[in-house]
PDB file of all heavy atoms in Angstrom:
ATOM      1  N   MET A   1     -44.400 -15.788 -13.995  1.00  0.00           N
ATOM      2  CA  MET A   1     -44.191 -16.483 -15.264  1.00  0.00           C
ATOM      3  C   MET A   1     -43.525 -17.834 -14.991  1.00  0.00           C
ATOM      4  O   MET A   1     -43.823 -18.796 -15.703  1.00  0.00           O
ATOM      5  CB  MET A   1     -43.325 -15.585 -16.159  1.00  0.00           C
ATOM      6  CG  MET A   1     -43.151 -16.136 -17.528  1.00  0.00           C
ATOM      7  SD  MET A   1     -44.721 -16.099 -18.372  1.00  0.00           S
ATOM      8  CE  MET A   1     -44.261 -16.642 -19.943  1.00  0.00           C
ATOM      9  N   LEU A   2     -42.641 -17.898 -14.011  1.00  0.00           N
ATOM     10  CA  LEU A   2     -41.981 -19.180 -13.729  1.00  0.00           C
ATOM     11  C   LEU A   2     -42.944 -20.222 -13.251  1.00  0.00           C
ATOM     12  O   LEU A   2     -42.829 -21.397 -13.603  1.00  0.00           O
ATOM     13  CB  LEU A   2     -40.878 -18.935 -12.669  1.00  0.00           C
ATOM     14  CG  LEU A   2     -40.018 -20.106 -12.326  1.00  0.00           C
ATOM     15  CD1 LEU A   2     -39.263 -20.594 -13.564  1.00  0.00           C
ATOM     16  CD2 LEU A   2     -39.001 -19.743 -11.262  1.00  0.00           C
ATOM     17  N   LYS A   3     -43.964 -19.795 -12.466  1.00  0.00           N
ATOM     18  CA  LYS A   3     -44.951 -20.741 -11.957  1.00  0.00           C
ATOM     19  C   LYS A   3     -45.757 -21.344 -13.130  1.00  0.00           C
ATOM     20  O   LYS A   3     -46.035 -22.514 -13.157  1.00  0.00           O
ATOM     21  CB  LYS A   3     -45.894 -20.025 -10.995  1.00  0.00           C
ATOM     22  CG  LYS A   3     -46.817 -20.941 -10.258  1.00  0.00           C
ATOM     23  CD  LYS A   3     -47.603 -20.174  -9.206  1.00  0.00           C
ATOM     24  CE  LYS A   3     -48.483 -21.092  -8.433  1.00  0.00           C
ATOM     25  NZ  LYS A   3     -49.256 -20.396  -7.419  1.00  0.00           N
ATOM     26  N   LEU A   4     -46.111 -20.511 -14.092  1.00  0.00           N
ATOM     27  CA  LEU A   4     -46.843 -20.974 -15.257  1.00  0.00           C
ATOM     28  C   LEU A   4     -45.984 -21.941 -16.090  1.00  0.00           C
ATOM     29  O   LEU A   4     -46.492 -22.936 -16.598  1.00  0.00           O
ATOM     30  CB  LEU A   4     -47.286 -19.780 -16.116  1.00  0.00           C
ATOM     31  CG  LEU A   4     -48.169 -20.105 -17.310  1.00  0.00           C
ATOM     32  CD1 LEU A   4     -49.463 -20.770 -16.845  1.00  0.00           C
ATOM     33  CD2 LEU A   4     -48.498 -18.834 -18.050  1.00  0.00           C
ATOM     34  N   LYS A   5     -44.715 -21.654 -16.192  1.00  0.00           N
ATOM     35  CA  LYS A   5     -43.789 -22.514 -16.960  1.00  0.00           C
ATOM     36  C   LYS A   5     -43.706 -23.895 -16.276  1.00  0.00           C
ATOM     37  O   LYS A   5     -43.713 -24.917 -16.953  1.00  0.00           O
ATOM     38  CB  LYS A   5     -42.434 -21.857 -17.033  1.00  0.00           C
ATOM     39  CG  LYS A   5     -41.520 -22.390 -18.058  1.00  0.00           C
ATOM     40  CD  LYS A   5     -40.243 -21.598 -18.093  1.00  0.00           C
ATOM     41  CE  LYS A   5     -39.705 -21.484 -19.498  1.00  0.00           C
ATOM     42  NZ  LYS A   5     -38.466 -20.752 -19.549  1.00  0.00           N
ATOM     43  N   ASN A   6     -43.571 -23.892 -14.959  1.00  0.00           N
ATOM     44  CA  ASN A   6     -43.532 -25.175 -14.223  1.00  0.00           C
ATOM     45  C   ASN A   6     -44.843 -25.931 -14.344  1.00  0.00           C
ATOM     46  O   ASN A   6     -44.809 -27.151 -14.478  1.00  0.00           O
ATOM     47  CB  ASN A   6     -43.212 -24.924 -12.737  1.00  0.00           C
ATOM     48  CG  ASN A   6     -41.772 -24.509 -12.521  1.00  0.00           C
ATOM     49  OD1 ASN A   6     -40.914 -24.789 -13.340  1.00  0.00           O
ATOM     50  ND2 ASN A   6     -41.519 -23.852 -11.393  1.00  0.00           N
ATOM     51  N   LEU A   7     -45.942 -25.245 -14.334  1.00  0.00           N
ATOM     52  CA  LEU A   7     -47.228 -25.889 -14.491  1.00  0.00           C
ATOM     53  C   LEU A   7     -47.346 -26.526 -15.868  1.00  0.00           C
ATOM     54  O   LEU A   7     -47.806 -27.669 -16.003  1.00  0.00           O
ATOM     55  CB  LEU A   7     -48.360 -24.873 -14.284  1.00  0.00           C
ATOM     56  CG  LEU A   7     -49.780 -25.416 -14.370  1.00  0.00           C
ATOM     57  CD1 LEU A   7     -50.051 -26.411 -13.257  1.00  0.00           C
ATOM     58  CD2 LEU A   7     -50.771 -24.275 -14.250  1.00  0.00           C
ATOM     59  N   PHE A   8     -46.875 -25.840 -16.891  1.00  0.00           N
ATOM     60  CA  PHE A   8     -46.912 -26.391 -18.234  1.00  0.00           C
ATOM     61  C   PHE A   8     -46.010 -27.625 -18.357  1.00  0.00           C
ATOM     62  O   PHE A   8     -46.370 -28.586 -19.004  1.00  0.00           O
ATOM     63  CB  PHE A   8     -46.511 -25.335 -19.261  1.00  0.00           C
ATOM     64  CG  PHE A   8     -46.595 -25.829 -20.679  1.00  0.00           C
ATOM     65  CD1 PHE A   8     -47.811 -26.093 -21.287  1.00  0.00           C
ATOM     66  CD2 PHE A   8     -45.422 -26.099 -21.381  1.00  0.00           C
ATOM     67  CE1 PHE A   8     -47.883 -26.562 -22.582  1.00  0.00           C
ATOM     68  CE2 PHE A   8     -45.483 -26.567 -22.679  1.00  0.00           C
ATOM     69  CZ  PHE A   8     -46.690 -26.803 -23.278  1.00  0.00           C
ATOM     70  N   LYS A   9     -44.826 -27.600 -17.731  1.00  0.00           N
ATOM     71  CA  LYS A   9     -43.906 -28.717 -17.748  1.00  0.00           C
ATOM     72  C   LYS A   9     -44.567 -29.941 -17.124  1.00  0.00           C
ATOM     73  O   LYS A   9     -44.474 -31.064 -17.628  1.00  0.00           O
ATOM     74  CB  LYS A   9     -42.607 -28.389 -17.056  1.00  0.00           C
ATOM     75  CG  LYS A   9     -41.646 -27.591 -17.891  1.00  0.00           C
ATOM     76  CD  LYS A   9     -40.344 -27.384 -17.115  1.00  0.00           C
ATOM     77  CE  LYS A   9     -39.395 -26.542 -17.925  1.00  0.00           C
ATOM     78  NZ  LYS A   9     -38.099 -26.352 -17.216  1.00  0.00           N
ATOM     79  N   LYS A  10     -45.214 -29.735 -15.965  1.00  0.00           N
ATOM     80  CA  LYS A  10     -45.881 -30.854 -15.286  1.00  0.00           C
ATOM     81  C   LYS A  10     -47.024 -31.408 -16.137  1.00  0.00           C
ATOM     82  O   LYS A  10     -47.214 -32.601 -16.254  1.00  0.00           O
ATOM     83  CB  LYS A  10     -46.440 -30.410 -13.924  1.00  0.00           C
ATOM     84  CG  LYS A  10     -45.411 -30.223 -12.855  1.00  0.00           C
ATOM     85  CD  LYS A  10     -46.067 -29.802 -11.555  1.00  0.00           C
ATOM     86  CE  LYS A  10     -45.064 -29.527 -10.477  1.00  0.00           C
ATOM     87  NZ  LYS A  10     -45.706 -29.147  -9.218  1.00  0.00           N
ATOM     88  N   PHE A  11     -47.766 -30.518 -16.750  1.00  0.00           N
ATOM     89  CA  PHE A  11     -48.887 -30.937 -17.580  1.00  0.00           C
ATOM     90  C   PHE A  11     -48.409 -31.758 -18.783  1.00  0.00           C
ATOM     91  O   PHE A  11     -48.969 -32.791 -19.147  1.00  0.00           O
ATOM     92  CB  PHE A  11     -49.696 -29.726 -18.061  1.00  0.00           C
ATOM     93  CG  PHE A  11     -50.835 -30.088 -18.961  1.00  0.00           C
ATOM     94  CD1 PHE A  11     -51.986 -30.642 -18.460  1.00  0.00           C
ATOM     95  CD2 PHE A  11     -50.758 -29.849 -20.339  1.00  0.00           C
ATOM     96  CE1 PHE A  11     -53.049 -30.959 -19.286  1.00  0.00           C
ATOM     97  CE2 PHE A  11     -51.782 -30.174 -21.173  1.00  0.00           C
ATOM     98  CZ  PHE A  11     -52.943 -30.750 -20.649  1.00  0.00           C
ATOM     99  N   SER A  12     -47.354 -31.288 -19.437  1.00  0.00           N
ATOM    100  CA  SER A  12     -46.866 -31.971 -20.648  1.00  0.00           C
ATOM    101  C   SER A  12     -46.171 -33.297 -20.296  1.00  0.00           C
ATOM    102  O   SER A  12     -46.093 -34.191 -21.142  1.00  0.00           O
ATOM    103  CB  SER A  12     -45.914 -31.056 -21.410  1.00  0.00           C
ATOM    104  OG  SER A  12     -44.769 -30.788 -20.641  1.00  0.00           O
ATOM    105  N   ALA A  13     -45.689 -33.443 -19.071  1.00  0.00           N
ATOM    106  CA  ALA A  13     -45.032 -34.678 -18.666  1.00  0.00           C
ATOM    107  C   ALA A  13     -46.006 -35.733 -18.163  1.00  0.00           C
ATOM    108  O   ALA A  13     -45.673 -36.919 -18.116  1.00  0.00           O
ATOM    109  CB  ALA A  13     -44.002 -34.389 -17.585  1.00  0.00           C
ATOM    110  N   ALA A  14     -47.213 -35.351 -17.805  1.00  0.00           N
ATOM    111  CA  ALA A  14     -48.198 -36.299 -17.276  1.00  0.00           C
ATOM    112  C   ALA A  14     -48.651 -37.242 -18.384  1.00  0.00           C
ATOM    113  O   ALA A  14     -48.979 -36.810 -19.497  1.00  0.00           O
ATOM    114  CB  ALA A  14     -49.364 -35.526 -16.703  1.00  0.00           C
ATOM    115  N   GLU A  15     -48.669 -38.542 -18.092  1.00  0.00           N
ATOM    116  CA  GLU A  15     -49.029 -39.515 -19.101  1.00  0.00           C
ATOM    117  C   GLU A  15     -50.341 -40.239 -18.763  1.00  0.00           C
ATOM    118  O   GLU A  15     -50.776 -41.075 -19.565  1.00  0.00           O
ATOM    119  CB  GLU A  15     -47.923 -40.546 -19.236  1.00  0.00           C
ATOM    120  CG  GLU A  15     -46.643 -39.954 -19.798  1.00  0.00           C
ATOM    121  CD  GLU A  15     -45.569 -41.000 -20.038  1.00  0.00           C
ATOM    122  OE1 GLU A  15     -45.887 -42.185 -19.873  1.00  0.00           O
ATOM    123  OE2 GLU A  15     -44.476 -40.600 -20.390  1.00  0.00           O
ATOM    124  N   ALA A  16     -50.953 -39.969 -17.646  1.00  0.00           N
ATOM    125  CA  ALA A  16     -52.175 -40.666 -17.242  1.00  0.00           C
ATOM    126  C   ALA A  16     -53.273 -40.450 -18.269  1.00  0.00           C
ATOM    127  O   ALA A  16     -54.007 -41.369 -18.601  1.00  0.00           O
ATOM    128  CB  ALA A  16     -52.598 -40.215 -15.861  1.00  0.00           C
ATOM    129  N   GLY A  17     -53.413 -39.271 -18.771  1.00  0.00           N
ATOM    130  CA  GLY A  17     -54.471 -39.007 -19.750  1.00  0.00           C
ATOM    131  C   GLY A  17     -54.205 -39.714 -21.078  1.00  0.00           C
ATOM    132  O   GLY A  17     -55.120 -40.223 -21.725  1.00  0.00           O
ATOM    133  N   ALA A  18     -52.949 -39.813 -21.456  1.00  0.00           N
ATOM    134  CA  ALA A  18     -52.573 -40.474 -22.716  1.00  0.00           C
ATOM    135  C   ALA A  18     -52.891 -41.976 -22.636  1.00  0.00           C
ATOM    136  O   ALA A  18     -53.372 -42.551 -23.603  1.00  0.00           O
ATOM    137  CB  ALA A  18     -51.093 -40.253 -23.011  1.00  0.00           C
ATOM    138  N   VAL A  19     -52.660 -42.563 -21.482  1.00  0.00           N
ATOM    139  CA  VAL A  19     -52.956 -43.983 -21.312  1.00  0.00           C
ATOM    140  C   VAL A  19     -54.467 -44.205 -21.433  1.00  0.00           C
ATOM    141  O   VAL A  19     -54.932 -45.162 -22.057  1.00  0.00           O
ATOM    142  CB  VAL A  19     -52.400 -44.488 -19.979  1.00  0.00           C
ATOM    143  CG1 VAL A  19     -52.875 -45.899 -19.713  1.00  0.00           C
ATOM    144  CG2 VAL A  19     -50.923 -44.402 -19.943  1.00  0.00           C
ATOM    145  N   THR A  20     -55.236 -43.326 -20.843  1.00  0.00           N
ATOM    146  CA  THR A  20     -56.685 -43.432 -20.906  1.00  0.00           C
ATOM    147  C   THR A  20     -57.162 -43.338 -22.352  1.00  0.00           C
ATOM    148  O   THR A  20     -58.022 -44.128 -22.805  1.00  0.00           O
ATOM    149  CB  THR A  20     -57.350 -42.336 -20.061  1.00  0.00           C
ATOM    150  OG1 THR A  20     -56.887 -42.451 -18.734  1.00  0.00           O
ATOM    151  CG2 THR A  20     -58.852 -42.427 -20.119  1.00  0.00           C
ATOM    152  N   VAL A  21     -56.608 -42.402 -23.089  1.00  0.00           N
ATOM    153  CA  VAL A  21     -56.983 -42.248 -24.510  1.00  0.00           C
ATOM    154  C   VAL A  21     -56.619 -43.504 -25.288  1.00  0.00           C
ATOM    155  O   VAL A  21     -57.384 -43.982 -26.118  1.00  0.00           O
ATOM    156  CB  VAL A  21     -56.304 -40.995 -25.114  1.00  0.00           C
ATOM    157  CG1 VAL A  21     -56.500 -40.945 -26.614  1.00  0.00           C
ATOM    158  CG2 VAL A  21     -56.874 -39.739 -24.481  1.00  0.00           C
ATOM    159  N   ASP A  22     -55.460 -44.068 -24.992  1.00  0.00           N
ATOM    160  CA  ASP A  22     -55.054 -45.302 -25.665  1.00  0.00           C
ATOM    161  C   ASP A  22     -56.070 -46.427 -25.420  1.00  0.00           C
ATOM    162  O   ASP A  22     -56.435 -47.159 -26.327  1.00  0.00           O
ATOM    163  CB  ASP A  22     -53.658 -45.755 -25.206  1.00  0.00           C
ATOM    164  CG  ASP A  22     -52.546 -44.860 -25.725  1.00  0.00           C
ATOM    165  OD1 ASP A  22     -52.795 -44.103 -26.663  1.00  0.00           O
ATOM    166  OD2 ASP A  22     -51.439 -44.934 -25.174  1.00  0.00           O
ATOM    167  N   TRP A  23     -56.491 -46.562 -24.179  1.00  0.00           N
ATOM    168  CA  TRP A  23     -57.435 -47.640 -23.839  1.00  0.00           C
ATOM    169  C   TRP A  23     -58.792 -47.398 -24.482  1.00  0.00           C
ATOM    170  O   TRP A  23     -59.460 -48.332 -24.930  1.00  0.00           O
ATOM    171  CB  TRP A  23     -57.603 -47.776 -22.312  1.00  0.00           C
ATOM    172  CG  TRP A  23     -56.508 -48.625 -21.724  1.00  0.00           C
ATOM    173  CD1 TRP A  23     -55.478 -48.209 -20.998  1.00  0.00           C
ATOM    174  CD2 TRP A  23     -56.382 -50.033 -21.852  1.00  0.00           C
ATOM    175  NE1 TRP A  23     -54.682 -49.277 -20.668  1.00  0.00           N
ATOM    176  CE2 TRP A  23     -55.234 -50.420 -21.175  1.00  0.00           C
ATOM    177  CE3 TRP A  23     -57.141 -51.027 -22.481  1.00  0.00           C
ATOM    178  CZ2 TRP A  23     -54.808 -51.756 -21.087  1.00  0.00           C
ATOM    179  CZ3 TRP A  23     -56.714 -52.337 -22.414  1.00  0.00           C
ATOM    180  CH2 TRP A  23     -55.557 -52.685 -21.715  1.00  0.00           C
ATOM    181  N   VAL A  24     -59.213 -46.140 -24.558  1.00  0.00           N
ATOM    182  CA  VAL A  24     -60.496 -45.833 -25.215  1.00  0.00           C
ATOM    183  C   VAL A  24     -60.428 -46.180 -26.696  1.00  0.00           C
ATOM    184  O   VAL A  24     -61.336 -46.796 -27.271  1.00  0.00           O
ATOM    185  CB  VAL A  24     -60.869 -44.370 -24.999  1.00  0.00           C
ATOM    186  CG1 VAL A  24     -62.021 -43.951 -25.902  1.00  0.00           C
ATOM    187  CG2 VAL A  24     -61.216 -44.106 -23.537  1.00  0.00           C
ATOM    188  N   VAL A  25     -59.326 -45.836 -27.353  1.00  0.00           N
ATOM    189  CA  VAL A  25     -59.170 -46.152 -28.768  1.00  0.00           C
ATOM    190  C   VAL A  25     -59.121 -47.657 -28.973  1.00  0.00           C
ATOM    191  O   VAL A  25     -59.759 -48.200 -29.884  1.00  0.00           O
ATOM    192  CB  VAL A  25     -57.901 -45.469 -29.329  1.00  0.00           C
ATOM    193  CG1 VAL A  25     -57.576 -45.958 -30.731  1.00  0.00           C
ATOM    194  CG2 VAL A  25     -58.074 -43.972 -29.325  1.00  0.00           C
ATOM    195  N   LEU A  26     -58.389 -48.367 -28.133  1.00  0.00           N
ATOM    196  CA  LEU A  26     -58.305 -49.813 -28.210  1.00  0.00           C
ATOM    197  C   LEU A  26     -59.681 -50.450 -28.004  1.00  0.00           C
ATOM    198  O   LEU A  26     -60.066 -51.374 -28.752  1.00  0.00           O
ATOM    199  CB  LEU A  26     -57.299 -50.329 -27.186  1.00  0.00           C
ATOM    200  CG  LEU A  26     -57.060 -51.858 -27.193  1.00  0.00           C
ATOM    201  CD1 LEU A  26     -56.500 -52.292 -28.525  1.00  0.00           C
ATOM    202  CD2 LEU A  26     -56.139 -52.217 -26.054  1.00  0.00           C
ATOM    203  N   ALA A  27     -60.412 -49.997 -27.031  1.00  0.00           N
ATOM    204  CA  ALA A  27     -61.763 -50.558 -26.774  1.00  0.00           C
ATOM    205  C   ALA A  27     -62.689 -50.301 -27.937  1.00  0.00           C
ATOM    206  O   ALA A  27     -63.477 -51.154 -28.344  1.00  0.00           O
ATOM    207  CB  ALA A  27     -62.329 -49.962 -25.479  1.00  0.00           C
ATOM    208  N   ALA A  28     -62.609 -49.101 -28.526  1.00  0.00           N
ATOM    209  CA  ALA A  28     -63.443 -48.781 -29.689  1.00  0.00           C
ATOM    210  C   ALA A  28     -63.101 -49.690 -30.870  1.00  0.00           C
ATOM    211  O   ALA A  28     -63.998 -50.138 -31.597  1.00  0.00           O
ATOM    212  CB  ALA A  28     -63.312 -47.327 -30.052  1.00  0.00           C
ATOM    213  N   ALA A  29     -61.828 -49.962 -31.054  1.00  0.00           N
ATOM    214  CA  ALA A  29     -61.404 -50.855 -32.147  1.00  0.00           C
ATOM    215  C   ALA A  29     -61.915 -52.270 -31.925  1.00  0.00           C
ATOM    216  O   ALA A  29     -62.364 -52.931 -32.880  1.00  0.00           O
ATOM    217  CB  ALA A  29     -59.878 -50.836 -32.251  1.00  0.00           C
ATOM    218  N   VAL A  30     -61.867 -52.736 -30.699  1.00  0.00           N
ATOM    219  CA  VAL A  30     -62.377 -54.087 -30.386  1.00  0.00           C
ATOM    220  C   VAL A  30     -63.881 -54.174 -30.648  1.00  0.00           C
ATOM    221  O   VAL A  30     -64.378 -55.137 -31.206  1.00  0.00           O
ATOM    222  CB  VAL A  30     -62.033 -54.484 -28.935  1.00  0.00           C
ATOM    223  CG1 VAL A  30     -62.766 -55.742 -28.497  1.00  0.00           C
ATOM    224  CG2 VAL A  30     -60.538 -54.686 -28.796  1.00  0.00           C
ATOM    225  N   VAL A  31     -64.618 -53.165 -30.221  1.00  0.00           N
ATOM    226  CA  VAL A  31     -66.066 -53.140 -30.433  1.00  0.00           C
ATOM    227  C   VAL A  31     -66.379 -53.102 -31.930  1.00  0.00           C
ATOM    228  O   VAL A  31     -67.266 -53.823 -32.409  1.00  0.00           O
ATOM    229  CB  VAL A  31     -66.718 -51.959 -29.685  1.00  0.00           C
ATOM    230  CG1 VAL A  31     -68.158 -51.751 -30.117  1.00  0.00           C
ATOM    231  CG2 VAL A  31     -66.630 -52.152 -28.198  1.00  0.00           C
ATOM    232  N   GLY A  32     -65.685 -52.266 -32.667  1.00  0.00           N
ATOM    233  CA  GLY A  32     -65.920 -52.172 -34.098  1.00  0.00           C
ATOM    234  C   GLY A  32     -65.581 -53.476 -34.806  1.00  0.00           C
ATOM    235  O   GLY A  32     -66.358 -53.944 -35.657  1.00  0.00           O
ATOM    236  N   LEU A  33     -64.465 -54.085 -34.472  1.00  0.00           N
ATOM    237  CA  LEU A  33     -64.102 -55.350 -35.055  1.00  0.00           C
ATOM    238  C   LEU A  33     -65.092 -56.457 -34.716  1.00  0.00           C
ATOM    239  O   LEU A  33     -65.465 -57.279 -35.562  1.00  0.00           O
ATOM    240  CB  LEU A  33     -62.689 -55.770 -34.620  1.00  0.00           C
ATOM    241  CG  LEU A  33     -62.102 -57.009 -35.258  1.00  0.00           C
ATOM    242  CD1 LEU A  33     -62.009 -56.837 -36.777  1.00  0.00           C
ATOM    243  CD2 LEU A  33     -60.737 -57.299 -34.669  1.00  0.00           C
ATOM    244  N   SER A  34     -65.572 -56.461 -33.485  1.00  0.00           N
ATOM    245  CA  SER A  34     -66.581 -57.430 -33.074  1.00  0.00           C
ATOM    246  C   SER A  34     -67.874 -57.276 -33.869  1.00  0.00           C
ATOM    247  O   SER A  34     -68.501 -58.277 -34.244  1.00  0.00           O
ATOM    248  CB  SER A  34     -66.892 -57.269 -31.586  1.00  0.00           C
ATOM    249  OG  SER A  34     -65.750 -57.526 -30.830  1.00  0.00           O
ATOM    250  N   ALA A  35     -68.258 -56.051 -34.155  1.00  0.00           N
ATOM    251  CA  ALA A  35     -69.461 -55.812 -34.919  1.00  0.00           C
ATOM    252  C   ALA A  35     -69.326 -56.345 -36.350  1.00  0.00           C
ATOM    253  O   ALA A  35     -70.249 -56.968 -36.902  1.00  0.00           O
ATOM    254  CB  ALA A  35     -69.792 -54.320 -34.960  1.00  0.00           C
TER     255      ALA A  35
END
């Protein structure tokens, strides 16, 4: 159970995916505004 708890902590602390999502949303907004 401790291993699963540590895995969840690492997953929730990772920000690389959040940054990617931010860039995708920003790029979509730029494309929409350009259109």
